[in-house]
Amino acid sequence: MAEKRDYYEVLGVEKGADEATIKKAYRSLAKKYHPDMNPDDKEAEVKFKEVNEAYDVLSDADKRAKYDQYGHAAFDPAAGGAGGGFGGFGDFGDIFSSFFGGGFGGFGGGTQRNGPMRGDDIGARVSVTFEVAAFGVKKEISYNRVCRCPDCAGSGAAKGSSAETCGKCRGSGQMRVMQRLGGMQFQSTTTCDSCRGKGKIIKTPCNNCRGMGFIRITKKLEVSIPAGIDDGERIALRGQGNDGRNGGSAGDLILQVTVKPHPIFERDGYQIFCEVPLPVTDAILGAEIEIPTLEGNVKYTIPEGTQPGTTFTVKGQGIPYINNKTRRGDLIFRVNVEIPRGLTDKQREQVRAFAENCNENNYGKKSGFFKRIFEKLNRS
């Protein structure tokens, strides 16, 4: 199995990069490797997943802190993660329990094993178009979650029966074991081998969940994608994650939004940008042209003498602010002056005549450029 690349390396940023830098790098790479931009390209698909995985960790302050400390092991259950070794109270509890007989400062967790436990948060992804991200939509999603078995209500016991309290650990789920070392006697706590820490024994297990009390289902859910949401942002749906144990509350569903690239517009925050081709005659004489917006074309007046690369702002035609229906960003477009090609002889004669009729007053940049060079040479 290939070793995972460093997440900072994946996004091409320094370890101390700020949130804005990470987000900018993610947007660029997500657009580059997006499946819509690379159809049937397996390598691009792998890189897209790698970029999303890196951003998922580095864009979350808590996850990033754990990653900076433990690396990939922070999210690998087999490696112990941030809660492994001496990083979690459970291990301290075992140590104190071994030397002091348990019950030291509330560590160890034996008495909490059968108490209510909150269900795990789960993640899912939803892909939307640029326009949907701008204006929002209600969308049905499908995802897998763990829920209490409906046949046994989570007990794990078949109908007409019930789980019995374990006689070996008396329902605690743990056993105290005495050990001798070097003439000294120590007491430690271990998981009950009879009930495997559950505190109860099921003699007749439920057929539906096979005694587990939980089953995995595919759930469909209608969610509201808010107007103005950006690529990589998350929506937390409370209580839609995995069901809790022993009466504990359900976890959350964390929905990460992927916004498909737009063929014309690019986005930065609530502003959108595009380039508009402009015939050279319209740039010279000025003209009323049509420019694209997210809601169709609008007319805009270009002034006489517009230079290549000039930008113009159309107020209120950008992205709506989240949770603010009255406020929107702007559309900023840059004109790309188009020089005609394939001129006829007659057209060339007309252009030459036009050029001969122009003077320095018509070309401020050109005359100013040579004036600065002349002044510099005279000072040398």
Protein backbone atom coordinates (compact mmCIF):
# COMPACT_ATOMS: atom_id res chain seq x y z
CA MET A 1 0.00 0.00 0.00
CA ALA A 2 1.43 3.38 -1.03
CA GLU A 3 2.45 5.70 1.80
CA LYS A 4 0.27 8.77 2.16
CA ARG A 5 1.81 12.07 1.12
CA ASP A 6 2.10 14.91 3.59
CA TYR A 7 -1.11 16.99 3.43
CA TYR A 8 0.82 20.26 3.18
CA GLU A 9 2.78 18.80 0.27
CA VAL A 10 -0.45 17.69 -1.41
CA LEU A 11 -1.81 21.26 -1.37
CA GLY A 12 1.60 22.79 -2.10
CA VAL A 13 1.63 25.08 0.95
CA GLU A 14 3.99 25.67 3.87
CA LYS A 15 3.20 24.12 7.25
CA GLY A 16 2.49 27.54 8.76
CA ALA A 17 0.19 28.63 5.91
CA ASP A 18 -2.87 30.62 6.95
CA GLU A 19 -6.47 29.64 6.24
CA ALA A 20 -6.79 31.87 3.16
CA THR A 21 -3.64 30.41 1.56
CA ILE A 22 -4.83 26.85 2.17
CA LYS A 23 -8.25 27.61 0.74
CA LYS A 24 -6.78 29.28 -2.36
CA ALA A 25 -4.46 26.34 -3.00
CA TYR A 26 -7.33 23.88 -2.56
CA ARG A 27 -9.59 25.75 -4.99
CA SER A 28 -6.90 25.80 -7.66
CA LEU A 29 -6.09 22.08 -7.34
CA ALA A 30 -9.74 21.00 -6.97
CA LYS A 31 -10.55 22.81 -10.21
CA LYS A 32 -7.49 21.32 -11.94
CA TYR A 33 -8.34 17.71 -11.00
CA HIS A 34 -12.14 17.95 -10.87
CA PRO A 35 -13.80 14.93 -12.60
CA ASP A 36 -15.87 17.26 -14.77
CA MET A 37 -12.66 18.77 -16.15
CA ASN A 38 -10.94 15.37 -16.53
CA PRO A 39 -13.51 12.81 -17.72
CA ASP A 40 -12.33 9.17 -17.58
CA ASP A 41 -8.97 10.22 -16.11
CA LYS A 42 -8.33 7.84 -13.20
CA GLU A 43 -5.13 9.60 -12.14
CA ALA A 44 -6.93 12.95 -11.90
CA GLU A 45 -9.70 11.26 -9.91
CA VAL A 46 -7.17 9.92 -7.39
CA LYS A 47 -5.50 13.33 -7.08
CA PHE A 48 -8.91 15.02 -6.63
CA LYS A 49 -9.69 12.70 -3.72
CA GLU A 50 -6.21 13.27 -2.26
CA VAL A 51 -6.64 17.06 -2.46
CA ASN A 52 -10.08 16.88 -0.80
CA GLU A 53 -8.76 14.64 1.98
CA ALA A 54 -5.88 17.06 2.66
CA TYR A 55 -8.20 20.07 2.70
CA ASP A 56 -10.69 18.29 4.96
CA VAL A 57 -7.98 18.05 7.63
CA LEU A 58 -6.05 21.30 7.14
CA SER A 59 -9.18 23.49 6.93
CA ASP A 60 -10.39 22.26 10.32
CA ALA A 61 -8.49 23.83 13.23
CA ASP A 62 -8.89 20.83 15.56
CA LYS A 63 -7.99 18.24 12.92
CA ARG A 64 -5.04 20.32 11.74
CA ALA A 65 -3.67 20.61 15.30
CA LYS A 66 -3.87 16.82 15.71
CA TYR A 67 -2.27 16.27 12.31
CA ASP A 68 0.59 18.68 13.11
CA GLN A 69 1.28 16.73 16.30
CA TYR A 70 0.72 13.13 15.22
CA GLY A 71 0.72 13.17 11.41
CA HIS A 72 -1.46 10.61 9.61
CA ALA A 73 -1.54 8.46 12.74
CA ALA A 74 -3.94 11.01 14.26
CA PHE A 75 -6.71 9.57 12.08
CA ASP A 76 -5.64 5.94 11.94
CA PRO A 77 -7.49 3.82 14.53
CA ALA A 78 -4.87 1.09 14.20
CA ALA A 79 -2.15 3.54 15.17
CA GLY A 80 -3.96 4.85 18.21
CA GLY A 81 -4.27 8.38 16.84
CA ALA A 82 -4.33 11.39 19.06
CA GLY A 83 -5.98 9.33 21.75
CA GLY A 84 -3.35 6.60 21.71
CA GLY A 85 -0.25 6.17 23.84
CA PHE A 86 -0.19 8.77 26.59
CA GLY A 87 -2.42 11.17 24.65
CA GLY A 88 -5.73 10.05 26.20
CA PHE A 89 -7.07 9.87 29.73
CA GLY A 90 -7.97 6.21 29.26
CA ASP A 91 -4.31 5.19 29.35
CA PHE A 92 -3.59 7.29 32.42
CA GLY A 93 -6.59 5.63 34.04
CA ASP A 94 -5.16 2.17 33.38
CA ILE A 95 -1.82 3.22 34.87
CA PHE A 96 -3.37 4.72 38.00
CA SER A 97 -5.71 1.77 38.29
CA SER A 98 -2.78 -0.63 38.20
CA PHE A 99 -0.90 1.13 41.00
CA PHE A 100 -3.71 2.47 43.15
CA GLY A 101 -6.54 -0.01 42.65
CA GLY A 102 -8.71 2.13 40.39
CA GLY A 103 -10.97 5.09 41.09
CA PHE A 104 -8.13 7.63 40.91
CA GLY A 105 -9.54 11.07 40.16
CA GLY A 106 -12.26 9.65 37.93
CA PHE A 107 -9.83 8.26 35.36
CA GLY A 108 -10.06 4.74 33.97
CA GLY A 109 -13.58 5.04 32.62
CA GLY A 110 -14.78 1.65 33.94
CA THR A 111 -17.91 3.09 35.52
CA GLN A 112 -18.71 5.02 32.35
CA ARG A 113 -18.47 2.07 29.96
CA ASN A 114 -22.19 1.28 30.10
CA GLY A 115 -23.41 4.87 30.39
CA PRO A 116 -24.99 6.83 27.51
CA MET A 117 -22.57 7.27 24.60
CA ARG A 118 -23.10 9.80 21.82
CA GLY A 119 -23.10 8.37 18.31
CA ASP A 120 -20.28 9.08 15.87
CA ASP A 121 -20.35 11.98 13.45
CA ILE A 122 -20.26 10.84 9.83
CA GLY A 123 -19.24 12.65 6.67
CA ALA A 124 -20.78 12.80 3.21
CA ARG A 125 -20.22 14.86 0.09
CA VAL A 126 -22.62 16.64 -2.20
CA SER A 127 -21.71 18.12 -5.59
CA VAL A 128 -23.58 21.16 -6.91
CA THR A 129 -23.27 23.49 -9.89
CA PHE A 130 -21.85 26.99 -9.66
CA GLU A 131 -25.34 28.48 -10.04
CA VAL A 132 -26.84 26.25 -7.34
CA ALA A 133 -24.07 27.26 -4.94
CA ALA A 134 -24.89 30.90 -5.70
CA PHE A 135 -28.65 30.74 -5.26
CA GLY A 136 -29.22 27.62 -3.12
CA VAL A 137 -31.47 24.61 -3.58
CA LYS A 138 -33.15 21.76 -1.74
CA LYS A 139 -31.42 18.54 -2.70
CA GLU A 140 -32.01 14.90 -1.81
CA ILE A 141 -28.92 13.03 -0.69
CA SER A 142 -28.31 9.39 0.13
CA TYR A 143 -25.80 8.18 2.73
CA ASN A 144 -25.07 5.27 5.06
CA ARG A 145 -25.59 5.48 8.82
CA VAL A 146 -25.74 3.12 11.80
CA CYS A 147 -29.08 3.08 13.62
CA ARG A 148 -30.73 1.11 16.41
CA CYS A 149 -32.21 -2.15 15.21
CA PRO A 150 -35.99 -1.62 14.87
CA ASP A 151 -36.74 -5.26 15.73
CA CYS A 152 -35.05 -5.25 19.16
CA ALA A 153 -34.96 -1.49 19.83
CA GLY A 154 -31.20 -1.70 20.20
CA SER A 155 -31.11 -4.37 22.92
CA GLY A 156 -29.68 -7.07 20.64
CA ALA A 157 -32.08 -9.64 22.11
CA ALA A 158 -34.72 -11.44 20.07
CA LYS A 159 -38.38 -10.51 20.49
CA GLY A 160 -39.84 -11.99 23.66
CA SER A 161 -36.43 -12.17 25.35
CA SER A 162 -34.07 -9.72 27.01
CA ALA A 163 -30.42 -9.30 27.75
CA GLU A 164 -29.33 -10.61 31.15
CA THR A 165 -26.87 -8.99 33.51
CA CYS A 166 -23.47 -10.64 33.25
CA GLY A 167 -22.91 -12.79 36.34
CA LYS A 168 -19.14 -12.60 36.12
CA CYS A 169 -18.74 -8.79 36.19
CA ARG A 170 -22.19 -8.07 37.66
CA GLY A 171 -23.00 -5.69 34.83
CA SER A 172 -19.91 -3.46 35.12
CA GLY A 173 -18.27 -4.80 31.97
CA GLN A 174 -14.92 -4.94 33.75
CA MET A 175 -13.02 -7.27 36.02
CA ARG A 176 -10.34 -6.48 38.60
CA VAL A 177 -7.26 -8.68 38.31
CA MET A 178 -4.57 -9.08 40.98
CA GLN A 179 -0.96 -9.34 39.74
CA ARG A 180 2.30 -9.90 41.59
CA LEU A 181 5.55 -8.29 40.50
CA GLY A 182 8.80 -8.49 42.42
CA GLY A 183 7.09 -9.43 45.65
CA MET A 184 4.55 -6.62 45.31
CA GLN A 185 0.89 -7.05 44.53
CA PHE A 186 -0.89 -4.81 41.96
CA GLN A 187 -4.50 -4.53 40.99
CA SER A 188 -5.55 -3.75 37.41
CA THR A 189 -8.85 -3.52 35.56
CA THR A 190 -9.54 -5.50 32.38
CA THR A 191 -12.53 -6.00 30.10
CA CYS A 192 -14.79 -8.82 31.19
CA ASP A 193 -14.09 -11.79 28.91
CA SER A 194 -17.58 -13.15 29.39
CA CYS A 195 -19.66 -10.19 28.15
CA ARG A 196 -16.82 -8.41 26.32
CA GLY A 197 -17.33 -5.26 28.33
CA LYS A 198 -21.05 -4.87 27.64
CA GLY A 199 -22.20 -5.83 31.12
CA LYS A 200 -25.00 -7.96 29.66
CA ILE A 201 -25.22 -11.33 27.98
CA ILE A 202 -27.64 -12.08 25.17
CA LYS A 203 -28.65 -15.71 25.11
CA THR A 204 -31.13 -15.38 22.23
CA PRO A 205 -29.80 -12.79 19.78
CA CYS A 206 -32.01 -10.78 17.44
CA ASN A 207 -32.04 -12.24 13.92
CA ASN A 208 -32.11 -8.84 12.25
CA CYS A 209 -28.97 -7.39 13.87
CA ARG A 210 -27.43 -10.71 15.03
CA GLY A 211 -27.28 -9.48 18.59
CA MET A 212 -25.41 -6.26 17.85
CA GLY A 213 -28.39 -3.99 18.56
CA PHE A 214 -27.49 -1.84 15.53
CA ILE A 215 -27.76 -2.14 11.77
CA ARG A 216 -26.34 -0.15 8.87
CA ILE A 217 -28.91 1.46 6.59
CA THR A 218 -28.95 3.75 3.58
CA LYS A 219 -30.90 6.88 4.38
CA LYS A 220 -32.32 9.48 2.03
CA LEU A 221 -32.57 13.01 3.32
CA GLU A 222 -33.64 16.33 1.79
CA VAL A 223 -31.17 19.06 2.73
CA SER A 224 -31.17 22.78 2.05
CA ILE A 225 -28.03 24.02 0.30
CA PRO A 226 -27.92 27.70 1.35
CA ALA A 227 -27.41 30.44 -1.23
CA GLY A 228 -23.83 31.69 -1.26
CA ILE A 229 -22.14 28.51 -0.06
CA ASP A 230 -18.59 28.07 -1.35
CA ASP A 231 -16.55 25.10 -2.53
CA GLY A 232 -15.22 23.02 0.39
CA GLU A 233 -17.56 24.49 3.00
CA ARG A 234 -19.54 22.22 5.32
CA ILE A 235 -23.11 21.91 6.51
CA ALA A 236 -23.69 20.26 9.90
CA LEU A 237 -26.97 18.36 10.16
CA ARG A 238 -27.55 17.76 13.87
CA GLY A 239 -28.65 14.31 14.96
CA GLN A 240 -28.37 12.77 11.47
CA GLY A 241 -25.20 10.80 12.19
CA ASN A 242 -24.89 7.37 13.80
CA ASP A 243 -27.25 6.53 16.67
CA GLY A 244 -25.78 6.60 20.17
CA ARG A 245 -25.46 3.68 22.55
CA ASN A 246 -27.17 3.12 25.86
CA GLY A 247 -29.62 5.94 25.23
CA GLY A 248 -26.97 8.40 24.02
CA SER A 249 -27.83 11.03 21.42
CA ALA A 250 -27.11 10.58 17.71
CA GLY A 251 -24.04 12.14 16.14
CA ASP A 252 -24.12 14.68 13.32
CA LEU A 253 -23.92 14.37 9.55
CA ILE A 254 -21.20 16.67 8.25
CA LEU A 255 -21.95 17.45 4.62
CA GLN A 256 -19.03 18.79 2.57
CA VAL A 257 -20.03 20.75 -0.51
CA THR A 258 -18.12 20.48 -3.79
CA VAL A 259 -18.89 23.20 -6.34
CA LYS A 260 -18.35 22.31 -9.99
CA PRO A 261 -16.20 24.75 -12.01
CA HIS A 262 -18.03 27.25 -14.24
CA PRO A 263 -17.00 27.62 -17.91
CA ILE A 264 -17.06 31.45 -17.71
CA PHE A 265 -16.96 32.67 -14.12
CA GLU A 266 -14.44 32.34 -11.33
CA ARG A 267 -15.23 33.13 -7.73
CA ASP A 268 -13.35 34.79 -4.89
CA GLY A 269 -15.50 35.11 -1.80
CA TYR A 270 -18.72 36.80 -2.89
CA GLN A 271 -17.21 38.40 -6.03
CA ILE A 272 -17.26 36.72 -9.43
CA PHE A 273 -14.93 37.43 -12.33
CA CYS A 274 -14.95 36.86 -16.08
CA GLU A 275 -13.35 38.09 -19.31
CA VAL A 276 -15.41 39.68 -22.09
CA PRO A 277 -14.07 39.90 -25.69
CA LEU A 278 -14.37 43.44 -27.10
CA PRO A 279 -13.89 44.35 -30.78
CA VAL A 280 -11.18 46.96 -31.22
CA THR A 281 -13.67 49.37 -32.84
CA ASP A 282 -15.90 49.20 -29.75
CA ALA A 283 -12.86 49.86 -27.57
CA ILE A 284 -11.96 52.91 -29.70
CA LEU A 285 -15.41 54.42 -30.16
CA GLY A 286 -17.19 53.09 -27.08
CA ALA A 287 -20.28 50.90 -27.29
CA GLU A 288 -23.17 49.35 -25.44
CA ILE A 289 -22.39 45.64 -25.14
CA GLU A 290 -23.95 42.61 -23.50
CA ILE A 291 -22.14 40.93 -20.65
CA PRO A 292 -23.01 37.60 -19.01
CA THR A 293 -24.29 37.34 -15.43
CA LEU A 294 -25.54 34.41 -13.37
CA GLU A 295 -29.09 35.44 -14.27
CA GLY A 296 -28.69 36.18 -17.97
CA ASN A 297 -27.09 38.89 -20.11
CA VAL A 298 -27.27 42.58 -19.19
CA LYS A 299 -26.31 45.68 -21.17
CA TYR A 300 -23.27 47.73 -20.15
CA THR A 301 -21.84 50.88 -21.74
CA ILE A 302 -18.12 50.77 -22.52
CA PRO A 303 -16.58 54.26 -22.72
CA GLU A 304 -14.60 55.58 -25.70
CA GLY A 305 -10.90 54.79 -25.65
CA THR A 306 -11.13 51.72 -23.41
CA GLN A 307 -7.72 50.08 -23.06
CA PRO A 308 -7.02 46.30 -23.15
CA GLY A 309 -7.29 44.70 -19.70
CA THR A 310 -9.52 47.43 -18.27
CA THR A 311 -11.87 46.08 -15.58
CA PHE A 312 -15.43 47.16 -14.90
CA THR A 313 -17.70 46.42 -11.94
CA VAL A 314 -21.38 45.57 -12.09
CA LYS A 315 -22.76 46.07 -8.60
CA GLY A 316 -24.93 43.39 -7.02
CA GLN A 317 -24.44 40.74 -9.71
CA GLY A 318 -22.11 38.51 -7.69
CA ILE A 319 -22.78 35.82 -5.08
CA PRO A 320 -25.48 36.35 -2.42
CA TYR A 321 -24.18 36.53 1.15
CA ILE A 322 -25.11 33.49 3.24
CA ASN A 323 -28.13 34.19 5.47
CA ASN A 324 -28.55 37.67 3.97
CA LYS A 325 -31.05 37.77 1.12
CA THR A 326 -30.57 41.50 0.43
CA ARG A 327 -26.78 41.61 0.09
CA ARG A 328 -24.75 40.36 -2.86
CA GLY A 329 -21.22 40.65 -4.12
CA ASP A 330 -20.26 42.22 -7.46
CA LEU A 331 -19.46 40.98 -10.95
CA ILE A 332 -16.06 42.21 -12.14
CA PHE A 333 -15.28 41.73 -15.81
CA ARG A 334 -12.14 42.50 -17.76
CA VAL A 335 -12.25 43.44 -21.43
CA ASN A 336 -10.04 41.50 -23.79
CA VAL A 337 -9.69 43.79 -26.82
CA GLU A 338 -9.85 41.68 -29.96
CA ILE A 339 -7.74 42.69 -32.98
CA PRO A 340 -9.32 41.68 -36.31
CA ARG A 341 -7.55 39.13 -38.51
CA GLY A 342 -7.76 38.26 -42.21
CA LEU A 343 -8.23 41.85 -43.44
CA THR A 344 -8.94 42.50 -47.10
CA ASP A 345 -6.79 44.92 -49.10
CA LYS A 346 -9.47 47.57 -48.81
CA GLN A 347 -9.66 47.14 -45.04
CA ARG A 348 -5.89 47.46 -44.75
CA GLU A 349 -5.97 50.72 -46.72
CA GLN A 350 -8.65 52.05 -44.39
CA VAL A 351 -6.63 51.10 -41.30
CA ARG A 352 -3.51 52.78 -42.73
CA ALA A 353 -5.51 55.92 -43.47
CA PHE A 354 -6.85 55.87 -39.93
CA ALA A 355 -3.33 55.45 -38.49
CA GLU A 356 -2.01 58.37 -40.60
CA ASN A 357 -4.77 60.61 -39.23
CA CYS A 358 -3.84 59.82 -35.61
CA ASN A 359 -1.18 61.80 -33.73
CA GLU A 360 0.59 61.72 -30.38
CA ASN A 361 -2.45 63.16 -28.64
CA ASN A 362 -4.32 59.97 -29.49
CA TYR A 363 -1.66 57.74 -27.87
CA GLY A 364 -0.95 59.00 -24.36
CA LYS A 365 0.88 55.88 -23.21
CA LYS A 366 3.16 55.74 -26.27
CA SER A 367 4.19 59.41 -26.12
CA GLY A 368 4.65 59.23 -22.36
CA PHE A 369 6.77 56.08 -22.67
CA PHE A 370 9.25 57.65 -25.10
CA LYS A 371 9.28 60.90 -23.14
CA ARG A 372 10.42 59.04 -20.01
CA ILE A 373 13.15 57.24 -21.98
CA PHE A 374 14.38 60.56 -23.45
CA GLU A 375 14.50 62.20 -20.01
CA LYS A 376 16.41 59.28 -18.56
CA LEU A 377 19.01 59.38 -21.35
CA ASN A 378 19.54 63.11 -20.84
CA ARG A 379 20.22 62.58 -17.15
CA SER A 380 22.82 59.88 -17.84
